[in-house]
Amino acid sequence: MPLCAGGSSQSPPAAIVPNLELGSWELVDFDGATFDWRDQDGYQAAFAALAAHMLLTRLAVEGQVMRVFVYHALKQALPQLEIIDVEQEVSGLRMIKSEVDIAAMQAAIDLSERALHHVLATVAIGQSEKQIESVLIQALFAEGADDLAFVSIVAAGENSAHPKPMLAPTIRSNPETRCFFALAVLL
């Protein structure tokens, strides 16, 4: 996940990107310096290069998203850097939706519901959660999903009571068994 620092008249914008993400990062058409790093070399040199490139004294971040190693690397490269958590402000902005946003969300809901109805019509006694999950994923893509926003969850019986159920390898054969589905798609 890239770290971007906005520019000013004294410091042009810059980003630190893991080398393995560099190919997709280039598609963003970022207008600034990019410093990449590899696991085998470590990330500290990229952060030191950012510190030499920019006159950073303050940085606003999403506190719930910022990785711990990024915090420590920034503080090592820029000891005087003030890191400000703007999670609330960013979350508030995410709540504002345009008509286009709402239409896209509704399209994703409609697609998900069609896929779920297909799966529910095909669930049979004797299927495992893994088999049902496979049908669900296929149905989501058949309905037009571009990707999954998170790993779909299919849980049945006692397993459905767990907050983060693991797919059970056992076969569910009780016709009274209840199923729980959690899914989200990207269009």
C-alpha atoms as a PDB file:
ATOM      1  CA  MET A   1       0.000   0.000   0.000  1.00  0.00           C
ATOM      2  CA  PRO A   2       1.574   3.293  -1.081  1.00  0.00           C
ATOM      3  CA  LEU A   3       2.266   6.139   1.334  1.00  0.00           C
ATOM      4  CA  CYS A   4       1.727   9.506  -0.356  1.00  0.00           C
ATOM      5  CA  ALA A   5       2.796  12.880   0.968  1.00  0.00           C
ATOM      6  CA  GLY A   6       1.314  15.936  -0.696  1.00  0.00           C
ATOM      7  CA  GLY A   7       3.533  18.647  -2.012  1.00  0.00           C
ATOM      8  CA  SER A   8       3.925  22.349  -1.351  1.00  0.00           C
ATOM      9  CA  SER A   9       5.933  25.133  -2.967  1.00  0.00           C
ATOM     10  CA  GLN A  10       8.988  23.920  -1.009  1.00  0.00           C
ATOM     11  CA  SER A  11       8.442  20.158  -1.372  1.00  0.00           C
ATOM     12  CA  PRO A  12       7.037  18.370  -4.417  1.00  0.00           C
ATOM     13  CA  PRO A  13       4.724  15.405  -3.763  1.00  0.00           C
ATOM     14  CA  ALA A  14       6.243  11.996  -3.141  1.00  0.00           C
ATOM     15  CA  ALA A  15       5.200   8.405  -2.547  1.00  0.00           C
ATOM     16  CA  ILE A  16       6.758   5.307  -1.024  1.00  0.00           C
ATOM     17  CA  VAL A  17       5.616   2.102  -2.715  1.00  0.00           C
ATOM     18  CA  PRO A  18       6.553  -1.550  -2.137  1.00  0.00           C
ATOM     19  CA  ASN A  19       8.431  -2.649  -5.262  1.00  0.00           C
ATOM     20  CA  LEU A  20       5.970  -5.466  -5.944  1.00  0.00           C
ATOM     21  CA  GLU A  21       3.187  -2.841  -6.308  1.00  0.00           C
ATOM     22  CA  LEU A  22       5.232  -0.536  -8.541  1.00  0.00           C
ATOM     23  CA  GLY A  23       3.672  -1.808 -11.791  1.00  0.00           C
ATOM     24  CA  SER A  24       0.110  -1.025 -10.712  1.00  0.00           C
ATOM     25  CA  TRP A  25       1.250   2.216  -9.016  1.00  0.00           C
ATOM     26  CA  GLU A  26       2.546   3.500 -12.359  1.00  0.00           C
ATOM     27  CA  LEU A  27      -1.004   3.222 -13.744  1.00  0.00           C
ATOM     28  CA  VAL A  28      -2.135   5.882 -11.239  1.00  0.00           C
ATOM     29  CA  ASP A  29      -0.137   8.534 -13.118  1.00  0.00           C
ATOM     30  CA  PHE A  30       1.185  10.058  -9.889  1.00  0.00           C
ATOM     31  CA  ASP A  31       2.842  13.417 -10.528  1.00  0.00           C
ATOM     32  CA  GLY A  32       5.670  13.262  -8.013  1.00  0.00           C
ATOM     33  CA  ALA A  33       8.733  11.349  -6.898  1.00  0.00           C
ATOM     34  CA  THR A  34       8.296   7.658  -6.145  1.00  0.00           C
ATOM     35  CA  PHE A  35      10.605   5.741  -3.820  1.00  0.00           C
ATOM     36  CA  ASP A  36      10.231   1.968  -3.792  1.00  0.00           C
ATOM     37  CA  TRP A  37      11.598  -0.723  -1.507  1.00  0.00           C
ATOM     38  CA  ARG A  38      12.001  -4.509  -1.496  1.00  0.00           C
ATOM     39  CA  ASP A  39      11.644  -6.892   1.419  1.00  0.00           C
ATOM     40  CA  GLN A  40      15.195  -8.227   0.975  1.00  0.00           C
ATOM     41  CA  ASP A  41      16.647  -4.690   1.271  1.00  0.00           C
ATOM     42  CA  GLY A  42      14.212  -3.314   3.830  1.00  0.00           C
ATOM     43  CA  TYR A  43      12.154  -0.145   3.643  1.00  0.00           C
ATOM     44  CA  GLN A  44      14.297   2.288   5.621  1.00  0.00           C
ATOM     45  CA  ALA A  45      16.300   3.596   2.627  1.00  0.00           C
ATOM     46  CA  ALA A  46      13.067   4.567   0.853  1.00  0.00           C
ATOM     47  CA  PHE A  47      11.902   6.500   3.916  1.00  0.00           C
ATOM     48  CA  ALA A  48      15.304   8.192   4.226  1.00  0.00           C
ATOM     49  CA  ALA A  49      15.060   9.200   0.550  1.00  0.00           C
ATOM     50  CA  LEU A  50      11.572  10.631   1.202  1.00  0.00           C
ATOM     51  CA  ALA A  51      12.966  12.603   4.157  1.00  0.00           C
ATOM     52  CA  ALA A  52      15.766  14.020   1.973  1.00  0.00           C
ATOM     53  CA  HIS A  53      13.276  14.847  -0.802  1.00  0.00           C
ATOM     54  CA  MET A  54      10.606  16.582   1.295  1.00  0.00           C
ATOM     55  CA  LEU A  55      10.524  19.138   4.070  1.00  0.00           C
ATOM     56  CA  LEU A  56       7.922  17.213   6.062  1.00  0.00           C
ATOM     57  CA  THR A  57       7.071  18.523   9.523  1.00  0.00           C
ATOM     58  CA  ARG A  58       3.438  17.355   9.769  1.00  0.00           C
ATOM     59  CA  LEU A  59       1.623  14.428   8.172  1.00  0.00           C
ATOM     60  CA  ALA A  60      -2.085  13.588   8.356  1.00  0.00           C
ATOM     61  CA  VAL A  61      -2.877   9.857   8.317  1.00  0.00           C
ATOM     62  CA  GLU A  62      -5.775   7.473   8.758  1.00  0.00           C
ATOM     63  CA  GLY A  63      -4.864   6.024  12.132  1.00  0.00           C
ATOM     64  CA  GLN A  64      -6.822   2.813  11.657  1.00  0.00           C
ATOM     65  CA  VAL A  65      -5.144   2.189   8.299  1.00  0.00           C
ATOM     66  CA  MET A  66      -1.554   3.241   8.925  1.00  0.00           C
ATOM     67  CA  ARG A  67       0.785   0.287   9.377  1.00  0.00           C
ATOM     68  CA  VAL A  68       2.934   0.238  12.507  1.00  0.00           C
ATOM     69  CA  PHE A  69       6.152  -0.209  10.517  1.00  0.00           C
ATOM     70  CA  VAL A  70       5.303   2.901   8.456  1.00  0.00           C
ATOM     71  CA  TYR A  71       4.877   4.943  11.645  1.00  0.00           C
ATOM     72  CA  HIS A  72       8.227   3.760  13.008  1.00  0.00           C
ATOM     73  CA  ALA A  73      10.017   4.208   9.667  1.00  0.00           C
ATOM     74  CA  LEU A  74       8.703   7.778   9.372  1.00  0.00           C
ATOM     75  CA  LYS A  75       9.702   8.632  12.937  1.00  0.00           C
ATOM     76  CA  GLN A  76      13.195   7.186  12.349  1.00  0.00           C
ATOM     77  CA  ALA A  77      13.665   9.085   9.068  1.00  0.00           C
ATOM     78  CA  LEU A  78      11.988  12.276  10.339  1.00  0.00           C
ATOM     79  CA  PRO A  79      12.276  12.405  14.168  1.00  0.00           C
ATOM     80  CA  GLN A  80      10.565  15.837  14.401  1.00  0.00           C
ATOM     81  CA  LEU A  81       7.613  14.747  12.235  1.00  0.00           C
ATOM     82  CA  GLU A  82       4.214  15.352  13.812  1.00  0.00           C
ATOM     83  CA  ILE A  83       1.804  12.598  12.760  1.00  0.00           C
ATOM     84  CA  ILE A  84      -1.847  13.620  13.027  1.00  0.00           C
ATOM     85  CA  ASP A  85      -4.683  11.074  13.019  1.00  0.00           C
ATOM     86  CA  VAL A  86      -7.505  12.324  10.766  1.00  0.00           C
ATOM     87  CA  GLU A  87      -9.505   9.077  10.813  1.00  0.00           C
ATOM     88  CA  GLN A  88     -12.724  10.808  11.931  1.00  0.00           C
ATOM     89  CA  GLU A  89     -12.489  13.486   9.275  1.00  0.00           C
ATOM     90  CA  VAL A  90     -11.793  10.992   6.486  1.00  0.00           C
ATOM     91  CA  SER A  91     -14.552   8.670   7.701  1.00  0.00           C
ATOM     92  CA  GLY A  92     -16.965  11.598   7.645  1.00  0.00           C
ATOM     93  CA  LEU A  93     -16.044  12.325   4.036  1.00  0.00           C
ATOM     94  CA  ARG A  94     -16.623   8.684   3.081  1.00  0.00           C
ATOM     95  CA  MET A  95     -20.190   8.963   4.342  1.00  0.00           C
ATOM     96  CA  ILE A  96     -20.996  11.570   1.703  1.00  0.00           C
ATOM     97  CA  LYS A  97     -22.291   9.812  -1.408  1.00  0.00           C
ATOM     98  CA  SER A  98     -23.154  11.258  -4.793  1.00  0.00           C
ATOM     99  CA  GLU A  99     -25.999   9.946  -6.939  1.00  0.00           C
ATOM    100  CA  VAL A 100     -23.389   8.026  -8.957  1.00  0.00           C
ATOM    101  CA  ASP A 101     -22.003   6.443  -5.753  1.00  0.00           C
ATOM    102  CA  ILE A 102     -25.492   5.445  -4.602  1.00  0.00           C
ATOM    103  CA  ALA A 103     -26.338   3.978  -8.022  1.00  0.00           C
ATOM    104  CA  ALA A 104     -23.108   1.922  -7.985  1.00  0.00           C
ATOM    105  CA  MET A 105     -23.860   0.664  -4.471  1.00  0.00           C
ATOM    106  CA  GLN A 106     -27.399  -0.286  -5.516  1.00  0.00           C
ATOM    107  CA  ALA A 107     -26.060  -2.119  -8.579  1.00  0.00           C
ATOM    108  CA  ALA A 108     -23.682  -4.105  -6.338  1.00  0.00           C
ATOM    109  CA  ILE A 109     -26.552  -4.938  -3.959  1.00  0.00           C
ATOM    110  CA  ASP A 110     -28.786  -6.052  -6.832  1.00  0.00           C
ATOM    111  CA  LEU A 111     -26.012  -8.207  -8.297  1.00  0.00           C
ATOM    112  CA  SER A 112     -25.310  -9.761  -4.886  1.00  0.00           C
ATOM    113  CA  GLU A 113     -28.988 -10.510  -4.298  1.00  0.00           C
ATOM    114  CA  ARG A 114     -29.338 -12.217  -7.698  1.00  0.00           C
ATOM    115  CA  ALA A 115     -26.282 -14.365  -6.983  1.00  0.00           C
ATOM    116  CA  LEU A 116     -27.524 -15.201  -3.489  1.00  0.00           C
ATOM    117  CA  HIS A 117     -30.968 -16.235  -4.798  1.00  0.00           C
ATOM    118  CA  HIS A 118     -29.231 -18.510  -7.318  1.00  0.00           C
ATOM    119  CA  VAL A 119     -27.158 -20.108  -4.553  1.00  0.00           C
ATOM    120  CA  LEU A 120     -30.129 -20.576  -2.226  1.00  0.00           C
ATOM    121  CA  ALA A 121     -32.024 -22.334  -5.022  1.00  0.00           C
ATOM    122  CA  THR A 122     -29.147 -24.771  -5.519  1.00  0.00           C
ATOM    123  CA  VAL A 123     -28.190 -25.584  -1.898  1.00  0.00           C
ATOM    124  CA  ALA A 124     -28.828 -29.252  -1.233  1.00  0.00           C
ATOM    125  CA  ILE A 125     -28.569 -31.506   1.774  1.00  0.00           C
ATOM    126  CA  GLY A 126     -25.112 -33.002   1.887  1.00  0.00           C
ATOM    127  CA  GLN A 127     -23.207 -30.012   0.523  1.00  0.00           C
ATOM    128  CA  SER A 128     -20.312 -28.630   2.516  1.00  0.00           C
ATOM    129  CA  GLU A 129     -19.853 -24.943   3.270  1.00  0.00           C
ATOM    130  CA  LYS A 130     -16.879 -24.946   0.868  1.00  0.00           C
ATOM    131  CA  GLN A 131     -19.044 -26.304  -1.961  1.00  0.00           C
ATOM    132  CA  ILE A 132     -21.709 -23.667  -1.320  1.00  0.00           C
ATOM    133  CA  GLU A 133     -19.050 -20.939  -1.193  1.00  0.00           C
ATOM    134  CA  SER A 134     -17.745 -22.077  -4.561  1.00  0.00           C
ATOM    135  CA  VAL A 135     -21.226 -21.815  -6.109  1.00  0.00           C
ATOM    136  CA  LEU A 136     -21.639 -18.365  -4.537  1.00  0.00           C
ATOM    137  CA  ILE A 137     -18.370 -17.034  -5.953  1.00  0.00           C
ATOM    138  CA  GLN A 138     -19.173 -18.410  -9.401  1.00  0.00           C
ATOM    139  CA  ALA A 139     -22.644 -16.851  -9.258  1.00  0.00           C
ATOM    140  CA  LEU A 140     -21.245 -13.452  -8.244  1.00  0.00           C
ATOM    141  CA  PHE A 141     -18.906 -13.383 -11.227  1.00  0.00           C
ATOM    142  CA  ALA A 142     -21.585 -14.766 -13.550  1.00  0.00           C
ATOM    143  CA  GLU A 143     -23.803 -11.844 -12.494  1.00  0.00           C
ATOM    144  CA  GLY A 144     -21.076  -9.354 -13.439  1.00  0.00           C
ATOM    145  CA  ALA A 145     -18.891  -8.749 -10.380  1.00  0.00           C
ATOM    146  CA  ASP A 146     -15.416  -7.444 -11.251  1.00  0.00           C
ATOM    147  CA  ASP A 147     -13.942  -8.599  -7.947  1.00  0.00           C
ATOM    148  CA  LEU A 148     -14.848  -9.427  -4.345  1.00  0.00           C
ATOM    149  CA  ALA A 149     -14.516  -6.643  -1.768  1.00  0.00           C
ATOM    150  CA  PHE A 150     -13.615  -9.272   0.836  1.00  0.00           C
ATOM    151  CA  VAL A 151     -13.554 -13.044   1.090  1.00  0.00           C
ATOM    152  CA  SER A 152     -17.111 -14.359   1.028  1.00  0.00           C
ATOM    153  CA  ILE A 153     -18.240 -16.176   4.158  1.00  0.00           C
ATOM    154  CA  VAL A 154     -20.547 -19.178   4.113  1.00  0.00           C
ATOM    155  CA  ALA A 155     -21.250 -20.786   7.469  1.00  0.00           C
ATOM    156  CA  ALA A 156     -23.876 -23.319   8.502  1.00  0.00           C
ATOM    157  CA  GLY A 157     -25.258 -24.673  11.750  1.00  0.00           C
ATOM    158  CA  GLU A 158     -23.110 -24.092  14.844  1.00  0.00           C
ATOM    159  CA  ASN A 159     -20.355 -22.615  12.675  1.00  0.00           C
ATOM    160  CA  SER A 160     -22.640 -19.697  11.757  1.00  0.00           C
ATOM    161  CA  ALA A 161     -22.596 -18.474  15.374  1.00  0.00           C
ATOM    162  CA  HIS A 162     -18.889 -17.613  15.220  1.00  0.00           C
ATOM    163  CA  PRO A 163     -17.979 -13.987  14.416  1.00  0.00           C
ATOM    164  CA  LYS A 164     -15.288 -15.155  11.962  1.00  0.00           C
ATOM    165  CA  PRO A 165     -16.280 -18.702  11.027  1.00  0.00           C
ATOM    166  CA  MET A 166     -13.828 -21.016   9.331  1.00  0.00           C
ATOM    167  CA  LEU A 167     -15.192 -23.155   6.516  1.00  0.00           C
ATOM    168  CA  ALA A 168     -15.948 -26.486   8.079  1.00  0.00           C
ATOM    169  CA  PRO A 169     -14.724 -29.549   6.184  1.00  0.00           C
ATOM    170  CA  THR A 170     -17.662 -31.555   7.484  1.00  0.00           C
ATOM    171  CA  ILE A 171     -20.746 -32.152   5.392  1.00  0.00           C
ATOM    172  CA  ARG A 172     -23.959 -30.460   6.523  1.00  0.00           C
ATOM    173  CA  SER A 173     -26.816 -32.903   6.038  1.00  0.00           C
ATOM    174  CA  ASN A 174     -29.548 -31.640   8.353  1.00  0.00           C
ATOM    175  CA  PRO A 175     -32.428 -30.029   6.408  1.00  0.00           C
ATOM    176  CA  GLU A 176     -33.063 -27.704   9.377  1.00  0.00           C
ATOM    177  CA  THR A 177     -29.526 -26.276   9.301  1.00  0.00           C
ATOM    178  CA  ARG A 178     -29.428 -22.507   8.889  1.00  0.00           C
ATOM    179  CA  CYS A 179     -26.823 -20.834   6.705  1.00  0.00           C
ATOM    180  CA  PHE A 180     -25.130 -17.476   7.072  1.00  0.00           C
ATOM    181  CA  PHE A 181     -23.762 -15.616   4.051  1.00  0.00           C
ATOM    182  CA  ALA A 182     -21.544 -12.515   4.004  1.00  0.00           C
ATOM    183  CA  LEU A 183     -20.493 -11.134   0.671  1.00  0.00           C
ATOM    184  CA  ALA A 184     -19.557  -7.923  -1.071  1.00  0.00           C
ATOM    185  CA  VAL A 185     -18.613  -7.257  -4.658  1.00  0.00           C
ATOM    186  CA  LEU A 186     -16.793  -4.601  -6.622  1.00  0.00           C
ATOM    187  CA  LEU A 187     -18.180  -3.397  -9.930  1.00  0.00           C
END
